[in-house]
Each structure stands twice: as C-alpha cells, then as structure tokens.
Amino acid sequence: MGYVEAIQRWQLLSAGTQQQLRWQAIPKQVADSMAFEGEPVDLAWLTKLHPPTPPAGFKPAGESSATRN
C-alpha cells in the first residue's frame, strides 16, 4: 500500500477511531523518540503506564477551547 492509499484509508475512519488509534500509538512514539535520543525506555513499561483509553473529559489539542481563535 502506498502513502496515498494509507491517507485515503485514514480519512475513511471515523473521528473517534482516529482519536483512539492516535492515543494507542503514544507509548510506541515515546519509546521510539527516547531510543533515538540514546535513552531507550522499555515499551512494555510505557504501555503499562499509559491507559488504553483516553481519560474522561480528554480533548485532543485540535478540540481544546484554549487553542481556538
């Protein structure tokens, strides 16, 4: 699958599904970033610390009233 197909598949997902996938990707992104900086962190430990679903009342940055103009 090329990048165009990947983008099209992403756009077909509901906003809730996109948010859930972004949330679930956070531990891996943090682990990758820390490894790049030369300070590896155990992915299992990060996953244990990071709840599987966003906390109640969580709003993504794009939906926060603080970021609206």
PDB file of N, CA and C in Angstrom:
ATOM      1  N   MET A   1       0.849  -1.172   0.000  1.00  0.00           N
ATOM      2  CA  MET A   1       0.000   0.000   0.000  1.00  0.00           C
ATOM      3  C   MET A   1       0.893   1.232   0.000  1.00  0.00           C
ATOM      4  N   GLY A   2       0.596   2.150  -0.873  1.00  0.00           N
ATOM      5  CA  GLY A   2       1.349   3.388  -0.951  1.00  0.00           C
ATOM      6  C   GLY A   2       0.806   4.412   0.028  1.00  0.00           C
ATOM      7  N   TYR A   3       1.481   5.557   0.096  1.00  0.00           N
ATOM      8  CA  TYR A   3       1.072   6.578   1.055  1.00  0.00           C
ATOM      9  C   TYR A   3      -0.288   7.175   0.707  1.00  0.00           C
ATOM     10  N   VAL A   4      -0.630   7.253  -0.580  1.00  0.00           N
ATOM     11  CA  VAL A   4      -1.927   7.807  -0.973  1.00  0.00           C
ATOM     12  C   VAL A   4      -3.055   6.902  -0.464  1.00  0.00           C
ATOM     13  N   GLU A   5      -2.884   5.594  -0.627  1.00  0.00           N
ATOM     14  CA  GLU A   5      -3.896   4.658  -0.152  1.00  0.00           C
ATOM     15  C   GLU A   5      -4.001   4.704   1.365  1.00  0.00           C
ATOM     16  N   ALA A   6      -2.861   4.831   2.050  1.00  0.00           N
ATOM     17  CA  ALA A   6      -2.876   4.908   3.513  1.00  0.00           C
ATOM     18  C   ALA A   6      -3.624   6.147   3.984  1.00  0.00           C
ATOM     19  N   ILE A   7      -3.402   7.267   3.312  1.00  0.00           N
ATOM     20  CA  ILE A   7      -4.113   8.505   3.671  1.00  0.00           C
ATOM     21  C   ILE A   7      -5.610   8.349   3.417  1.00  0.00           C
ATOM     22  N   GLN A   8      -5.967   7.760   2.313  1.00  0.00           N
ATOM     23  CA  GLN A   8      -7.388   7.571   1.997  1.00  0.00           C
ATOM     24  C   GLN A   8      -8.064   6.658   3.019  1.00  0.00           C
ATOM     25  N   ARG A   9      -7.382   5.587   3.421  1.00  0.00           N
ATOM     26  CA  ARG A   9      -7.947   4.691   4.439  1.00  0.00           C
ATOM     27  C   ARG A   9      -8.119   5.426   5.757  1.00  0.00           C
ATOM     28  N   TRP A  10      -7.129   6.259   6.123  1.00  0.00           N
ATOM     29  CA  TRP A  10      -7.214   7.026   7.370  1.00  0.00           C
ATOM     30  C   TRP A  10      -8.417   7.972   7.330  1.00  0.00           C
ATOM     31  N   GLN A  11      -8.600   8.640   6.210  1.00  0.00           N
ATOM     32  CA  GLN A  11      -9.688   9.605   6.084  1.00  0.00           C
ATOM     33  C   GLN A  11     -11.065   8.943   6.137  1.00  0.00           C
ATOM     34  N   LEU A  12     -11.149   7.677   5.797  1.00  0.00           N
ATOM     35  CA  LEU A  12     -12.416   6.961   5.843  1.00  0.00           C
ATOM     36  C   LEU A  12     -12.806   6.562   7.270  1.00  0.00           C
ATOM     37  N   LEU A  13     -11.843   6.569   8.183  1.00  0.00           N
ATOM     38  CA  LEU A  13     -12.127   6.209   9.571  1.00  0.00           C
ATOM     39  C   LEU A  13     -12.914   7.320  10.254  1.00  0.00           C
ATOM     40  N   SER A  14     -13.727   6.936  11.219  1.00  0.00           N
ATOM     41  CA  SER A  14     -14.474   7.943  11.984  1.00  0.00           C
ATOM     42  C   SER A  14     -13.498   8.730  12.857  1.00  0.00           C
ATOM     43  N   ALA A  15     -13.921   9.907  13.283  1.00  0.00           N
ATOM     44  CA  ALA A  15     -13.074  10.743  14.132  1.00  0.00           C
ATOM     45  C   ALA A  15     -12.740  10.026  15.439  1.00  0.00           C
ATOM     46  N   GLY A  16     -13.699   9.297  15.978  1.00  0.00           N
ATOM     47  CA  GLY A  16     -13.454   8.560  17.215  1.00  0.00           C
ATOM     48  C   GLY A  16     -12.414   7.474  17.045  1.00  0.00           C
ATOM     49  N   THR A  17     -12.463   6.769  15.926  1.00  0.00           N
ATOM     50  CA  THR A  17     -11.481   5.720  15.647  1.00  0.00           C
ATOM     51  C   THR A  17     -10.095   6.332  15.444  1.00  0.00           C
ATOM     52  N   GLN A  18     -10.023   7.453  14.737  1.00  0.00           N
ATOM     53  CA  GLN A  18      -8.740   8.132  14.546  1.00  0.00           C
ATOM     54  C   GLN A  18      -8.149   8.540  15.892  1.00  0.00           C
ATOM     55  N   GLN A  19      -8.982   9.095  16.778  1.00  0.00           N
ATOM     56  CA  GLN A  19      -8.507   9.515  18.094  1.00  0.00           C
ATOM     57  C   GLN A  19      -7.999   8.316  18.886  1.00  0.00           C
ATOM     58  N   GLN A  20      -8.735   7.212  18.842  1.00  0.00           N
ATOM     59  CA  GLN A  20      -8.330   6.014  19.584  1.00  0.00           C
ATOM     60  C   GLN A  20      -6.996   5.484  19.062  1.00  0.00           C
ATOM     61  N   LEU A  21      -6.822   5.452  17.755  1.00  0.00           N
ATOM     62  CA  LEU A  21      -5.564   4.964  17.176  1.00  0.00           C
ATOM     63  C   LEU A  21      -4.392   5.881  17.533  1.00  0.00           C
ATOM     64  N   ARG A  22      -4.640   7.194  17.517  1.00  0.00           N
ATOM     65  CA  ARG A  22      -3.583   8.135  17.909  1.00  0.00           C
ATOM     66  C   ARG A  22      -3.188   7.901  19.368  1.00  0.00           C
ATOM     67  N   TRP A  23      -4.202   7.734  20.227  1.00  0.00           N
ATOM     68  CA  TRP A  23      -3.957   7.540  21.654  1.00  0.00           C
ATOM     69  C   TRP A  23      -3.150   6.260  21.888  1.00  0.00           C
ATOM     70  N   GLN A  24      -3.519   5.183  21.205  1.00  0.00           N
ATOM     71  CA  GLN A  24      -2.838   3.904  21.382  1.00  0.00           C
ATOM     72  C   GLN A  24      -1.403   3.945  20.862  1.00  0.00           C
ATOM     73  N   ALA A  25      -1.098   4.847  19.955  1.00  0.00           N
ATOM     74  CA  ALA A  25       0.239   4.932  19.373  1.00  0.00           C
ATOM     75  C   ALA A  25       1.227   5.686  20.265  1.00  0.00           C
ATOM     76  N   ILE A  26       0.746   6.386  21.279  1.00  0.00           N
ATOM     77  CA  ILE A  26       1.619   7.240  22.098  1.00  0.00           C
ATOM     78  C   ILE A  26       2.777   6.475  22.735  1.00  0.00           C
ATOM     79  N   PRO A  27       2.561   5.336  23.406  1.00  0.00           N
ATOM     80  CA  PRO A  27       3.707   4.654  24.034  1.00  0.00           C
ATOM     81  C   PRO A  27       4.821   4.302  23.037  1.00  0.00           C
ATOM     82  N   LYS A  28       4.454   3.807  21.859  1.00  0.00           N
ATOM     83  CA  LYS A  28       5.471   3.456  20.851  1.00  0.00           C
ATOM     84  C   LYS A  28       6.204   4.698  20.364  1.00  0.00           C
ATOM     85  N   GLN A  29       5.477   5.800  20.177  1.00  0.00           N
ATOM     86  CA  GLN A  29       6.120   7.039  19.739  1.00  0.00           C
ATOM     87  C   GLN A  29       7.112   7.542  20.782  1.00  0.00           C
ATOM     88  N   VAL A  30       6.742   7.455  22.045  1.00  0.00           N
ATOM     89  CA  VAL A  30       7.642   7.883  23.114  1.00  0.00           C
ATOM     90  C   VAL A  30       8.866   6.972  23.161  1.00  0.00           C
ATOM     91  N   ALA A  31       8.656   5.662  23.076  1.00  0.00           N
ATOM     92  CA  ALA A  31       9.779   4.719  23.100  1.00  0.00           C
ATOM     93  C   ALA A  31      10.724   4.964  21.927  1.00  0.00           C
ATOM     94  N   ASP A  32      10.169   5.179  20.739  1.00  0.00           N
ATOM     95  CA  ASP A  32      10.999   5.448  19.560  1.00  0.00           C
ATOM     96  C   ASP A  32      11.793   6.741  19.727  1.00  0.00           C
ATOM     97  N   SER A  33      11.147   7.768  20.253  1.00  0.00           N
ATOM     98  CA  SER A  33      11.806   9.054  20.454  1.00  0.00           C
ATOM     99  C   SER A  33      12.940   8.939  21.467  1.00  0.00           C
ATOM    100  N   MET A  34      12.679   8.242  22.559  1.00  0.00           N
ATOM    101  CA  MET A  34      13.711   8.075  23.589  1.00  0.00           C
ATOM    102  C   MET A  34      14.882   7.252  23.053  1.00  0.00           C
ATOM    103  N   ALA A  35      14.602   6.215  22.277  1.00  0.00           N
ATOM    104  CA  ALA A  35      15.668   5.403  21.696  1.00  0.00           C
ATOM    105  C   ALA A  35      16.506   6.243  20.740  1.00  0.00           C
ATOM    106  N   PHE A  36      15.870   7.102  19.962  1.00  0.00           N
ATOM    107  CA  PHE A  36      16.590   7.971  19.036  1.00  0.00           C
ATOM    108  C   PHE A  36      17.539   8.899  19.790  1.00  0.00           C
ATOM    109  N   GLU A  37      17.105   9.342  20.965  1.00  0.00           N
ATOM    110  CA  GLU A  37      17.937  10.233  21.783  1.00  0.00           C
ATOM    111  C   GLU A  37      19.008   9.482  22.572  1.00  0.00           C
ATOM    112  N   GLY A  38      19.048   8.163  22.417  1.00  0.00           N
ATOM    113  CA  GLY A  38      20.062   7.370  23.104  1.00  0.00           C
ATOM    114  C   GLY A  38      19.689   7.001  24.532  1.00  0.00           C
ATOM    115  N   GLU A  39      18.419   7.156  24.876  1.00  0.00           N
ATOM    116  CA  GLU A  39      17.940   6.805  26.214  1.00  0.00           C
ATOM    117  C   GLU A  39      16.748   5.866  26.075  1.00  0.00           C
ATOM    118  N   PRO A  40      17.000   4.607  25.674  1.00  0.00           N
ATOM    119  CA  PRO A  40      15.888   3.687  25.438  1.00  0.00           C
ATOM    120  C   PRO A  40      15.044   3.451  26.699  1.00  0.00           C
ATOM    121  N   VAL A  41      13.756   3.295  26.477  1.00  0.00           N
ATOM    122  CA  VAL A  41      12.791   3.023  27.535  1.00  0.00           C
ATOM    123  C   VAL A  41      12.019   1.774  27.129  1.00  0.00           C
ATOM    124  N   ASP A  42      11.734   0.924  28.093  1.00  0.00           N
ATOM    125  CA  ASP A  42      11.006  -0.307  27.825  1.00  0.00           C
ATOM    126  C   ASP A  42       9.577  -0.009  27.379  1.00  0.00           C
ATOM    127  N   LEU A  43       9.211  -0.469  26.193  1.00  0.00           N
ATOM    128  CA  LEU A  43       7.881  -0.228  25.642  1.00  0.00           C
ATOM    129  C   LEU A  43       6.806  -0.850  26.536  1.00  0.00           C
ATOM    130  N   ALA A  44       7.066  -2.020  27.096  1.00  0.00           N
ATOM    131  CA  ALA A  44       6.076  -2.662  27.977  1.00  0.00           C
ATOM    132  C   ALA A  44       5.810  -1.790  29.204  1.00  0.00           C
ATOM    133  N   TRP A  45       6.840  -1.162  29.736  1.00  0.00           N
ATOM    134  CA  TRP A  45       6.687  -0.287  30.901  1.00  0.00           C
ATOM    135  C   TRP A  45       5.849   0.939  30.533  1.00  0.00           C
ATOM    136  N   LEU A  46       6.135   1.544  29.386  1.00  0.00           N
ATOM    137  CA  LEU A  46       5.360   2.706  28.940  1.00  0.00           C
ATOM    138  C   LEU A  46       3.894   2.335  28.705  1.00  0.00           C
ATOM    139  N   THR A  47       3.675   1.180  28.104  1.00  0.00           N
ATOM    140  CA  THR A  47       2.314   0.727  27.830  1.00  0.00           C
ATOM    141  C   THR A  47       1.560   0.514  29.134  1.00  0.00           C
ATOM    142  N   LYS A  48       2.255   0.014  30.145  1.00  0.00           N
ATOM    143  CA  LYS A  48       1.629  -0.205  31.451  1.00  0.00           C
ATOM    144  C   LYS A  48       1.251   1.133  32.097  1.00  0.00           C
ATOM    145  N   LEU A  49       2.065   2.159  31.915  1.00  0.00           N
ATOM    146  CA  LEU A  49       1.792   3.476  32.490  1.00  0.00           C
ATOM    147  C   LEU A  49       0.687   4.228  31.759  1.00  0.00           C
ATOM    148  N   HIS A  50       0.585   3.996  30.475  1.00  0.00           N
ATOM    149  CA  HIS A  50      -0.347   4.735  29.618  1.00  0.00           C
ATOM    150  C   HIS A  50      -1.670   3.981  29.552  1.00  0.00           C
ATOM    151  N   PRO A  51      -2.772   4.580  29.993  1.00  0.00           N
ATOM    152  CA  PRO A  51      -4.056   3.864  29.956  1.00  0.00           C
ATOM    153  C   PRO A  51      -4.468   3.539  28.521  1.00  0.00           C
ATOM    154  N   PRO A  52      -5.185   2.417  28.326  1.00  0.00           N
ATOM    155  CA  PRO A  52      -5.553   2.021  26.958  1.00  0.00           C
ATOM    156  C   PRO A  52      -6.568   2.956  26.295  1.00  0.00           C
ATOM    157  N   THR A  53      -7.295   3.709  27.086  1.00  0.00           N
ATOM    158  CA  THR A  53      -8.250   4.662  26.522  1.00  0.00           C
ATOM    159  C   THR A  53      -8.016   6.032  27.151  1.00  0.00           C
ATOM    160  N   PRO A  54      -8.343   7.089  26.440  1.00  0.00           N
ATOM    161  CA  PRO A  54      -8.162   8.431  26.994  1.00  0.00           C
ATOM    162  C   PRO A  54      -8.997   8.626  28.263  1.00  0.00           C
ATOM    163  N   PRO A  55      -8.509   9.412  29.202  1.00  0.00           N
ATOM    164  CA  PRO A  55      -9.290   9.672  30.400  1.00  0.00           C
ATOM    165  C   PRO A  55     -10.577  10.433  30.079  1.00  0.00           C
ATOM    166  N   ALA A  56     -11.563  10.319  30.953  1.00  0.00           N
ATOM    167  CA  ALA A  56     -12.832  11.022  30.749  1.00  0.00           C
ATOM    168  C   ALA A  56     -12.574  12.521  30.645  1.00  0.00           C
ATOM    169  N   GLY A  57     -13.225  13.146  29.707  1.00  0.00           N
ATOM    170  CA  GLY A  57     -13.061  14.585  29.516  1.00  0.00           C
ATOM    171  C   GLY A  57     -11.867  14.960  28.665  1.00  0.00           C
ATOM    172  N   PHE A  58     -11.104  13.974  28.180  1.00  0.00           N
ATOM    173  CA  PHE A  58      -9.931  14.254  27.342  1.00  0.00           C
ATOM    174  C   PHE A  58     -10.381  14.862  26.025  1.00  0.00           C
ATOM    175  N   LYS A  59      -9.725  15.943  25.637  1.00  0.00           N
ATOM    176  CA  LYS A  59      -9.986  16.573  24.344  1.00  0.00           C
ATOM    177  C   LYS A  59      -8.662  16.670  23.600  1.00  0.00           C
ATOM    178  N   PRO A  60      -8.615  16.194  22.351  1.00  0.00           N
ATOM    179  CA  PRO A  60      -7.395  16.363  21.566  1.00  0.00           C
ATOM    180  C   PRO A  60      -7.054  17.842  21.415  1.00  0.00           C
ATOM    181  N   ALA A  61      -5.823  18.147  21.147  1.00  0.00           N
ATOM    182  CA  ALA A  61      -5.365  19.538  21.048  1.00  0.00           C
ATOM    183  C   ALA A  61      -6.209  20.354  20.086  1.00  0.00           C
ATOM    184  N   GLY A  62      -6.618  19.773  18.981  1.00  0.00           N
ATOM    185  CA  GLY A  62      -7.416  20.492  17.989  1.00  0.00           C
ATOM    186  C   GLY A  62      -8.818  20.824  18.469  1.00  0.00           C
ATOM    187  N   GLU A  63      -9.283  20.158  19.524  1.00  0.00           N
ATOM    188  CA  GLU A  63     -10.634  20.379  20.007  1.00  0.00           C
ATOM    189  C   GLU A  63     -10.655  21.169  21.310  1.00  0.00           C
ATOM    190  N   SER A  64      -9.506  21.548  21.810  1.00  0.00           N
ATOM    191  CA  SER A  64      -9.446  22.275  23.069  1.00  0.00           C
ATOM    192  C   SER A  64      -9.896  23.716  22.877  1.00  0.00           C
ATOM    193  N   SER A  65     -10.655  24.236  23.810  1.00  0.00           N
ATOM    194  CA  SER A  65     -11.112  25.605  23.708  1.00  0.00           C
ATOM    195  C   SER A  65      -9.949  26.583  23.858  1.00  0.00           C
ATOM    196  N   ALA A  66      -8.872  26.150  24.479  1.00  0.00           N
ATOM    197  CA  ALA A  66      -7.701  27.008  24.670  1.00  0.00           C
ATOM    198  C   ALA A  66      -6.968  27.267  23.353  1.00  0.00           C
ATOM    199  N   THR A  67      -7.140  26.394  22.371  1.00  0.00           N
ATOM    200  CA  THR A  67      -6.415  26.564  21.117  1.00  0.00           C
ATOM    201  C   THR A  67      -7.257  27.213  20.043  1.00  0.00           C
ATOM    202  N   ARG A  68      -8.514  27.479  20.341  1.00  0.00           N
ATOM    203  CA  ARG A  68      -9.369  28.119  19.332  1.00  0.00           C
ATOM    204  C   ARG A  68      -9.114  29.625  19.309  1.00  0.00           C
ATOM    205  N   ASN A  69      -9.198  30.185  18.126  1.00  0.00           N
ATOM    206  CA  ASN A  69      -9.004  31.631  17.965  1.00  0.00           C
ATOM    207  C   ASN A  69     -10.327  32.314  17.781  1.00  0.00           C
TER     208      ASN A  69
END
